[in-house]
Amino acid sequence: MQHIATQFACKYIPEVVKQIILWNSEGKFWEVEVTCLRYQNKRYTRFTTGWGKFVRDNKLMKGDTCIFELEDENHMSVHIFRTSV
């Protein structure tokens, strides 16, 4: 599960969106479910089902940085910057 910044989600991801397609630089894509919930008048949004596969397939490691570029309300390009070891 990956949390999405509240201000970004409120501005760019409508609550009706239930799935986002993530694209990497190789042109591969993953369907990732989006879950929104409200608690004490605050909205929380996160990637759920499919996020783990995205992480595994892209061999993400602790310290790697992902930059998400919103293409439209349910498509994002992901730019991955690896941590040098």
PDB file of N, CA and C in Angstrom:
ATOM      1  N   MET A   1       0.839  -1.165   0.000  1.00  0.00           N
ATOM      2  CA  MET A   1       0.000   0.000   0.000  1.00  0.00           C
ATOM      3  C   MET A   1       0.892   1.238   0.000  1.00  0.00           C
ATOM      4  N   GLN A   2       0.512   2.226  -0.804  1.00  0.00           N
ATOM      5  CA  GLN A   2       1.272   3.467  -0.900  1.00  0.00           C
ATOM      6  C   GLN A   2       0.321   4.641  -0.739  1.00  0.00           C
ATOM      7  N   HIS A   3       0.576   5.479   0.243  1.00  0.00           N
ATOM      8  CA  HIS A   3      -0.256   6.655   0.457  1.00  0.00           C
ATOM      9  C   HIS A   3       0.070   7.731  -0.566  1.00  0.00           C
ATOM     10  N   ILE A   4      -0.951   8.489  -0.950  1.00  0.00           N
ATOM     11  CA  ILE A   4      -0.805   9.586  -1.896  1.00  0.00           C
ATOM     12  C   ILE A   4      -1.027  10.879  -1.123  1.00  0.00           C
ATOM     13  N   ALA A   5      -0.188  11.869  -1.356  1.00  0.00           N
ATOM     14  CA  ALA A   5      -0.302  13.146  -0.649  1.00  0.00           C
ATOM     15  C   ALA A   5      -1.729  13.690  -0.754  1.00  0.00           C
ATOM     16  N   THR A   6      -2.294  14.066   0.379  1.00  0.00           N
ATOM     17  CA  THR A   6      -3.689  14.489   0.451  1.00  0.00           C
ATOM     18  C   THR A   6      -3.987  15.664  -0.463  1.00  0.00           C
ATOM     19  N   GLN A   7      -3.164  16.702  -0.430  1.00  0.00           N
ATOM     20  CA  GLN A   7      -3.427  17.880  -1.267  1.00  0.00           C
ATOM     21  C   GLN A   7      -3.411  17.522  -2.754  1.00  0.00           C
ATOM     22  N   PHE A   8      -2.474  16.672  -3.159  1.00  0.00           N
ATOM     23  CA  PHE A   8      -2.390  16.248  -4.554  1.00  0.00           C
ATOM     24  C   PHE A   8      -3.636  15.455  -4.932  1.00  0.00           C
ATOM     25  N   ALA A   9      -4.001  14.489  -4.110  1.00  0.00           N
ATOM     26  CA  ALA A   9      -5.152  13.637  -4.408  1.00  0.00           C
ATOM     27  C   ALA A   9      -6.432  14.457  -4.493  1.00  0.00           C
ATOM     28  N   CYS A  10      -6.629  15.367  -3.556  1.00  0.00           N
ATOM     29  CA  CYS A  10      -7.846  16.191  -3.562  1.00  0.00           C
ATOM     30  C   CYS A  10      -7.931  17.047  -4.818  1.00  0.00           C
ATOM     31  N   LYS A  11      -6.794  17.536  -5.279  1.00  0.00           N
ATOM     32  CA  LYS A  11      -6.781  18.429  -6.432  1.00  0.00           C
ATOM     33  C   LYS A  11      -6.873  17.686  -7.763  1.00  0.00           C
ATOM     34  N   TYR A  12      -6.218  16.513  -7.860  1.00  0.00           N
ATOM     35  CA  TYR A  12      -6.062  15.880  -9.162  1.00  0.00           C
ATOM     36  C   TYR A  12      -6.714  14.513  -9.334  1.00  0.00           C
ATOM     37  N   ILE A  13      -7.075  13.843  -8.260  1.00  0.00           N
ATOM     38  CA  ILE A  13      -7.650  12.504  -8.384  1.00  0.00           C
ATOM     39  C   ILE A  13      -9.064  12.518  -7.800  1.00  0.00           C
ATOM     40  N   PRO A  14     -10.083  12.562  -8.654  1.00  0.00           N
ATOM     41  CA  PRO A  14     -11.452  12.559  -8.147  1.00  0.00           C
ATOM     42  C   PRO A  14     -11.740  11.288  -7.341  1.00  0.00           C
ATOM     43  N   GLU A  15     -12.586  11.413  -6.340  1.00  0.00           N
ATOM     44  CA  GLU A  15     -12.903  10.251  -5.505  1.00  0.00           C
ATOM     45  C   GLU A  15     -13.560   9.128  -6.285  1.00  0.00           C
ATOM     46  N   VAL A  16     -14.149   9.432  -7.435  1.00  0.00           N
ATOM     47  CA  VAL A  16     -14.796   8.386  -8.234  1.00  0.00           C
ATOM     48  C   VAL A  16     -13.781   7.494  -8.945  1.00  0.00           C
ATOM     49  N   VAL A  17     -12.526   7.944  -9.044  1.00  0.00           N
ATOM     50  CA  VAL A  17     -11.483   7.126  -9.690  1.00  0.00           C
ATOM     51  C   VAL A  17     -11.152   5.949  -8.776  1.00  0.00           C
ATOM     52  N   LYS A  18     -11.283   4.762  -9.313  1.00  0.00           N
ATOM     53  CA  LYS A  18     -11.030   3.546  -8.534  1.00  0.00           C
ATOM     54  C   LYS A  18      -9.791   2.798  -9.018  1.00  0.00           C
ATOM     55  N   GLN A  19      -9.247   3.227 -10.157  1.00  0.00           N
ATOM     56  CA  GLN A  19      -8.075   2.547 -10.709  1.00  0.00           C
ATOM     57  C   GLN A  19      -7.228   3.561 -11.483  1.00  0.00           C
ATOM     58  N   ILE A  20      -5.925   3.425 -11.355  1.00  0.00           N
ATOM     59  CA  ILE A  20      -4.980   4.256 -12.088  1.00  0.00           C
ATOM     60  C   ILE A  20      -4.000   3.339 -12.803  1.00  0.00           C
ATOM     61  N   ILE A  21      -3.658   3.710 -14.016  1.00  0.00           N
ATOM     62  CA  ILE A  21      -2.661   2.971 -14.782  1.00  0.00           C
ATOM     63  C   ILE A  21      -1.316   3.663 -14.574  1.00  0.00           C
ATOM     64  N   LEU A  22      -0.323   2.912 -14.105  1.00  0.00           N
ATOM     65  CA  LEU A  22       1.031   3.422 -13.928  1.00  0.00           C
ATOM     66  C   LEU A  22       1.897   2.921 -15.075  1.00  0.00           C
ATOM     67  N   TRP A  23       2.613   3.834 -15.737  1.00  0.00           N
ATOM     68  CA  TRP A  23       3.508   3.504 -16.847  1.00  0.00           C
ATOM     69  C   TRP A  23       4.941   3.783 -16.432  1.00  0.00           C
ATOM     70  N   ASN A  24       5.865   2.861 -16.750  1.00  0.00           N
ATOM     71  CA  ASN A  24       7.276   3.154 -16.479  1.00  0.00           C
ATOM     72  C   ASN A  24       7.957   3.607 -17.765  1.00  0.00           C
ATOM     73  N   SER A  25       9.226   3.920 -17.697  1.00  0.00           N
ATOM     74  CA  SER A  25       9.954   4.460 -18.850  1.00  0.00           C
ATOM     75  C   SER A  25      10.135   3.431 -19.972  1.00  0.00           C
ATOM     76  N   GLU A  26       9.927   2.147 -19.665  1.00  0.00           N
ATOM     77  CA  GLU A  26      10.042   1.100 -20.681  1.00  0.00           C
ATOM     78  C   GLU A  26       8.732   0.876 -21.421  1.00  0.00           C
ATOM     79  N   GLY A  27       7.691   1.624 -21.048  1.00  0.00           N
ATOM     80  CA  GLY A  27       6.393   1.478 -21.700  1.00  0.00           C
ATOM     81  C   GLY A  27       5.525   0.379 -21.110  1.00  0.00           C
ATOM     82  N   LYS A  28       5.985  -0.244 -20.024  1.00  0.00           N
ATOM     83  CA  LYS A  28       5.178  -1.268 -19.346  1.00  0.00           C
ATOM     84  C   LYS A  28       4.193  -0.572 -18.421  1.00  0.00           C
ATOM     85  N   PHE A  29       3.051  -1.218 -18.193  1.00  0.00           N
ATOM     86  CA  PHE A  29       2.050  -0.591 -17.347  1.00  0.00           C
ATOM     87  C   PHE A  29       1.466  -1.566 -16.331  1.00  0.00           C
ATOM     88  N   TRP A  30       0.912  -0.992 -15.262  1.00  0.00           N
ATOM     89  CA  TRP A  30       0.300  -1.738 -14.170  1.00  0.00           C
ATOM     90  C   TRP A  30      -1.009  -1.064 -13.801  1.00  0.00           C
ATOM     91  N   GLU A  31      -2.035  -1.864 -13.602  1.00  0.00           N
ATOM     92  CA  GLU A  31      -3.308  -1.350 -13.114  1.00  0.00           C
ATOM     93  C   GLU A  31      -3.271  -1.408 -11.591  1.00  0.00           C
ATOM     94  N   VAL A  32      -3.466  -0.261 -10.968  1.00  0.00           N
ATOM     95  CA  VAL A  32      -3.374  -0.157  -9.518  1.00  0.00           C
ATOM     96  C   VAL A  32      -4.687   0.414  -8.984  1.00  0.00           C
ATOM     97  N   GLU A  33      -5.256  -0.258  -8.000  1.00  0.00           N
ATOM     98  CA  GLU A  33      -6.496   0.236  -7.407  1.00  0.00           C
ATOM     99  C   GLU A  33      -6.214   1.432  -6.510  1.00  0.00           C
ATOM    100  N   VAL A  34      -7.145   2.371  -6.518  1.00  0.00           N
ATOM    101  CA  VAL A  34      -7.069   3.562  -5.683  1.00  0.00           C
ATOM    102  C   VAL A  34      -8.182   3.474  -4.650  1.00  0.00           C
ATOM    103  N   THR A  35      -7.832   3.637  -3.389  1.00  0.00           N
ATOM    104  CA  THR A  35      -8.810   3.611  -2.308  1.00  0.00           C
ATOM    105  C   THR A  35      -8.840   4.973  -1.642  1.00  0.00           C
ATOM    106  N   CYS A  36     -10.023   5.536  -1.515  1.00  0.00           N
ATOM    107  CA  CYS A  36     -10.202   6.819  -0.831  1.00  0.00           C
ATOM    108  C   CYS A  36     -11.062   6.591   0.405  1.00  0.00           C
ATOM    109  N   LEU A  37     -10.682   7.210   1.493  1.00  0.00           N
ATOM    110  CA  LEU A  37     -11.516   7.169   2.684  1.00  0.00           C
ATOM    111  C   LEU A  37     -11.457   8.518   3.368  1.00  0.00           C
ATOM    112  N   ARG A  38     -12.481   8.796   4.107  1.00  0.00           N
ATOM    113  CA  ARG A  38     -12.542  10.057   4.860  1.00  0.00           C
ATOM    114  C   ARG A  38     -12.570   9.723   6.346  1.00  0.00           C
ATOM    115  N   TYR A  39     -11.816  10.500   7.097  1.00  0.00           N
ATOM    116  CA  TYR A  39     -11.755  10.345   8.547  1.00  0.00           C
ATOM    117  C   TYR A  39     -11.582  11.725   9.144  1.00  0.00           C
ATOM    118  N   GLN A  40     -12.479  12.100  10.003  1.00  0.00           N
ATOM    119  CA  GLN A  40     -12.457  13.406  10.661  1.00  0.00           C
ATOM    120  C   GLN A  40     -12.293  14.541   9.650  1.00  0.00           C
ATOM    121  N   ASN A  41     -13.151  14.511   8.632  1.00  0.00           N
ATOM    122  CA  ASN A  41     -13.190  15.542   7.586  1.00  0.00           C
ATOM    123  C   ASN A  41     -11.911  15.660   6.773  1.00  0.00           C
ATOM    124  N   LYS A  42     -11.087  14.636   6.771  1.00  0.00           N
ATOM    125  CA  LYS A  42      -9.872  14.633   5.962  1.00  0.00           C
ATOM    126  C   LYS A  42      -9.918  13.437   5.026  1.00  0.00           C
ATOM    127  N   ARG A  43      -9.477  13.639   3.806  1.00  0.00           N
ATOM    128  CA  ARG A  43      -9.478  12.567   2.802  1.00  0.00           C
ATOM    129  C   ARG A  43      -8.111  11.889   2.770  1.00  0.00           C
ATOM    130  N   TYR A  44      -8.131  10.572   2.755  1.00  0.00           N
ATOM    131  CA  TYR A  44      -6.913   9.768   2.637  1.00  0.00           C
ATOM    132  C   TYR A  44      -7.032   8.926   1.374  1.00  0.00           C
ATOM    133  N   THR A  45      -5.999   8.955   0.548  1.00  0.00           N
ATOM    134  CA  THR A  45      -6.006   8.230  -0.718  1.00  0.00           C
ATOM    135  C   THR A  45      -4.742   7.380  -0.778  1.00  0.00           C
ATOM    136  N   ARG A  46      -4.892   6.174  -1.309  1.00  0.00           N
ATOM    137  CA  ARG A  46      -3.719   5.302  -1.398  1.00  0.00           C
ATOM    138  C   ARG A  46      -3.864   4.321  -2.552  1.00  0.00           C
ATOM    139  N   PHE A  47      -2.729   3.855  -3.042  1.00  0.00           N
ATOM    140  CA  PHE A  47      -2.696   2.752  -3.995  1.00  0.00           C
ATOM    141  C   PHE A  47      -2.778   1.465  -3.184  1.00  0.00           C
ATOM    142  N   THR A  48      -3.609   0.540  -3.616  1.00  0.00           N
ATOM    143  CA  THR A  48      -3.724  -0.727  -2.894  1.00  0.00           C
ATOM    144  C   THR A  48      -3.400  -1.872  -3.861  1.00  0.00           C
ATOM    145  N   THR A  49      -4.377  -2.658  -4.240  1.00  0.00           N
ATOM    146  CA  THR A  49      -4.163  -3.817  -5.095  1.00  0.00           C
ATOM    147  C   THR A  49      -3.414  -3.414  -6.364  1.00  0.00           C
ATOM    148  N   GLY A  50      -2.357  -4.121  -6.650  1.00  0.00           N
ATOM    149  CA  GLY A  50      -1.542  -3.845  -7.825  1.00  0.00           C
ATOM    150  C   GLY A  50      -0.266  -3.085  -7.503  1.00  0.00           C
ATOM    151  N   TRP A  51      -0.255  -2.354  -6.384  1.00  0.00           N
ATOM    152  CA  TRP A  51       0.940  -1.594  -6.011  1.00  0.00           C
ATOM    153  C   TRP A  51       2.114  -2.528  -5.722  1.00  0.00           C
ATOM    154  N   GLY A  52       1.865  -3.607  -5.015  1.00  0.00           N
ATOM    155  CA  GLY A  52       2.928  -4.564  -4.688  1.00  0.00           C
ATOM    156  C   GLY A  52       3.569  -5.149  -5.940  1.00  0.00           C
ATOM    157  N   LYS A  53       2.750  -5.465  -6.938  1.00  0.00           N
ATOM    158  CA  LYS A  53       3.286  -5.999  -8.196  1.00  0.00           C
ATOM    159  C   LYS A  53       4.133  -4.946  -8.899  1.00  0.00           C
ATOM    160  N   PHE A  54       3.678  -3.693  -8.896  1.00  0.00           N
ATOM    161  CA  PHE A  54       4.461  -2.612  -9.478  1.00  0.00           C
ATOM    162  C   PHE A  54       5.830  -2.524  -8.801  1.00  0.00           C
ATOM    163  N   VAL A  55       5.850  -2.585  -7.475  1.00  0.00           N
ATOM    164  CA  VAL A  55       7.096  -2.505  -6.704  1.00  0.00           C
ATOM    165  C   VAL A  55       8.021  -3.671  -7.056  1.00  0.00           C
ATOM    166  N   ARG A  56       7.471  -4.879  -7.058  1.00  0.00           N
ATOM    167  CA  ARG A  56       8.283  -6.072  -7.363  1.00  0.00           C
ATOM    168  C   ARG A  56       8.807  -6.043  -8.795  1.00  0.00           C
ATOM    169  N   ASP A  57       7.922  -5.773  -9.754  1.00  0.00           N
ATOM    170  CA  ASP A  57       8.317  -5.798 -11.167  1.00  0.00           C
ATOM    171  C   ASP A  57       9.375  -4.746 -11.491  1.00  0.00           C
ATOM    172  N   ASN A  58       9.346  -3.623 -10.775  1.00  0.00           N
ATOM    173  CA  ASN A  58      10.327  -2.561 -11.011  1.00  0.00           C
ATOM    174  C   ASN A  58      11.512  -2.653 -10.059  1.00  0.00           C
ATOM    175  N   LYS A  59      11.520  -3.707  -9.244  1.00  0.00           N
ATOM    176  CA  LYS A  59      12.623  -3.972  -8.311  1.00  0.00           C
ATOM    177  C   LYS A  59      12.954  -2.740  -7.467  1.00  0.00           C
ATOM    178  N   LEU A  60      11.898  -2.097  -6.952  1.00  0.00           N
ATOM    179  CA  LEU A  60      12.109  -0.920  -6.108  1.00  0.00           C
ATOM    180  C   LEU A  60      12.742  -1.334  -4.790  1.00  0.00           C
ATOM    181  N   MET A  61      13.685  -0.533  -4.350  1.00  0.00           N
ATOM    182  CA  MET A  61      14.390  -0.778  -3.099  1.00  0.00           C
ATOM    183  C   MET A  61      14.222   0.434  -2.192  1.00  0.00           C
ATOM    184  N   LYS A  62      14.423   0.213  -0.907  1.00  0.00           N
ATOM    185  CA  LYS A  62      14.369   1.315   0.050  1.00  0.00           C
ATOM    186  C   LYS A  62      15.354   2.394  -0.399  1.00  0.00           C
ATOM    187  N   GLY A  63      14.886   3.626  -0.448  1.00  0.00           N
ATOM    188  CA  GLY A  63      15.729   4.737  -0.857  1.00  0.00           C
ATOM    189  C   GLY A  63      15.528   5.152  -2.306  1.00  0.00           C
ATOM    190  N   ASP A  64      14.967   4.259  -3.141  1.00  0.00           N
ATOM    191  CA  ASP A  64      14.665   4.644  -4.522  1.00  0.00           C
ATOM    192  C   ASP A  64      13.599   5.740  -4.498  1.00  0.00           C
ATOM    193  N   THR A  65      13.633   6.605  -5.489  1.00  0.00           N
ATOM    194  CA  THR A  65      12.674   7.697  -5.580  1.00  0.00           C
ATOM    195  C   THR A  65      11.814   7.510  -6.823  1.00  0.00           C
ATOM    196  N   CYS A  66      10.505   7.637  -6.651  1.00  0.00           N
ATOM    197  CA  CYS A  66       9.566   7.576  -7.769  1.00  0.00           C
ATOM    198  C   CYS A  66       8.924   8.946  -7.933  1.00  0.00           C
ATOM    199  N   ILE A  67       8.974   9.468  -9.140  1.00  0.00           N
ATOM    200  CA  ILE A  67       8.298  10.710  -9.476  1.00  0.00           C
ATOM    201  C   ILE A  67       7.095  10.334 -10.331  1.00  0.00           C
ATOM    202  N   PHE A  68       5.911  10.715  -9.864  1.00  0.00           N
ATOM    203  CA  PHE A  68       4.668  10.388 -10.551  1.00  0.00           C
ATOM    204  C   PHE A  68       4.223  11.598 -11.366  1.00  0.00           C
ATOM    205  N   GLU A  69       4.071  11.400 -12.665  1.00  0.00           N
ATOM    206  CA  GLU A  69       3.640  12.471 -13.556  1.00  0.00           C
ATOM    207  C   GLU A  69       2.214  12.179 -14.010  1.00  0.00           C
ATOM    208  N   LEU A  70       1.282  13.008 -13.583  1.00  0.00           N
ATOM    209  CA  LEU A  70      -0.124  12.813 -13.906  1.00  0.00           C
ATOM    210  C   LEU A  70      -0.371  13.139 -15.371  1.00  0.00           C
ATOM    211  N   GLU A  71      -0.824  12.148 -16.128  1.00  0.00           N
ATOM    212  CA  GLU A  71      -1.144  12.344 -17.548  1.00  0.00           C
ATOM    213  C   GLU A  71      -2.603  12.769 -17.704  1.00  0.00           C
ATOM    214  N   ASP A  72      -3.484  12.108 -16.987  1.00  0.00           N
ATOM    215  CA  ASP A  72      -4.887  12.494 -16.848  1.00  0.00           C
ATOM    216  C   ASP A  72      -5.363  11.884 -15.547  1.00  0.00           C
ATOM    217  N   GLU A  73      -6.646  11.963 -15.252  1.00  0.00           N
ATOM    218  CA  GLU A  73      -7.082  11.569 -13.903  1.00  0.00           C
ATOM    219  C   GLU A  73      -6.872  10.092 -13.568  1.00  0.00           C
ATOM    220  N   ASN A  74      -6.619   9.245 -14.555  1.00  0.00           N
ATOM    221  CA  ASN A  74      -6.363   7.845 -14.214  1.00  0.00           C
ATOM    222  C   ASN A  74      -5.172   7.225 -14.950  1.00  0.00           C
ATOM    223  N   HIS A  75      -4.215   8.063 -15.363  1.00  0.00           N
ATOM    224  CA  HIS A  75      -2.970   7.585 -15.969  1.00  0.00           C
ATOM    225  C   HIS A  75      -1.801   8.395 -15.408  1.00  0.00           C
ATOM    226  N   MET A  76      -0.765   7.680 -14.966  1.00  0.00           N
ATOM    227  CA  MET A  76       0.439   8.345 -14.468  1.00  0.00           C
ATOM    228  C   MET A  76       1.678   7.694 -15.053  1.00  0.00           C
ATOM    229  N   SER A  77       2.621   8.526 -15.484  1.00  0.00           N
ATOM    230  CA  SER A  77       3.957   8.028 -15.839  1.00  0.00           C
ATOM    231  C   SER A  77       4.770   8.047 -14.549  1.00  0.00           C
ATOM    232  N   VAL A  78       5.599   7.021 -14.374  1.00  0.00           N
ATOM    233  CA  VAL A  78       6.432   6.935 -13.179  1.00  0.00           C
ATOM    234  C   VAL A  78       7.890   6.942 -13.594  1.00  0.00           C
ATOM    235  N   HIS A  79       8.644   7.882 -13.046  1.00  0.00           N
ATOM    236  CA  HIS A  79      10.074   7.997 -13.312  1.00  0.00           C
ATOM    237  C   HIS A  79      10.795   7.501 -12.052  1.00  0.00           C
ATOM    238  N   ILE A  80      11.631   6.488 -12.220  1.00  0.00           N
ATOM    239  CA  ILE A  80      12.294   5.848 -11.083  1.00  0.00           C
ATOM    240  C   ILE A  80      13.770   6.251 -11.055  1.00  0.00           C
ATOM    241  N   PHE A  81      14.195   6.734  -9.907  1.00  0.00           N
ATOM    242  CA  PHE A  81      15.601   7.100  -9.691  1.00  0.00           C
ATOM    243  C   PHE A  81      16.146   6.176  -8.609  1.00  0.00           C
ATOM    244  N   ARG A  82      17.160   5.405  -8.960  1.00  0.00           N
ATOM    245  CA  ARG A  82      17.726   4.401  -8.064  1.00  0.00           C
ATOM    246  C   ARG A  82      18.679   5.018  -7.050  1.00  0.00           C
ATOM    247  N   THR A  83      18.677   4.441  -5.872  1.00  0.00           N
ATOM    248  CA  THR A  83      19.649   4.816  -4.853  1.00  0.00           C
ATOM    249  C   THR A  83      20.970   4.161  -5.208  1.00  0.00           C
ATOM    250  N   SER A  84      22.030   4.934  -5.221  1.00  0.00           N
ATOM    251  CA  SER A  84      23.329   4.327  -5.475  1.00  0.00           C
ATOM    252  C   SER A  84      23.814   3.651  -4.200  1.00  0.00           C
ATOM    253  N   VAL A  85      24.348   2.465  -4.365  1.00  0.00           N
ATOM    254  CA  VAL A  85      24.784   1.670  -3.205  1.00  0.00           C
ATOM    255  C   VAL A  85      26.273   1.776  -3.033  1.00  0.00           C
TER     256      VAL A  85
END
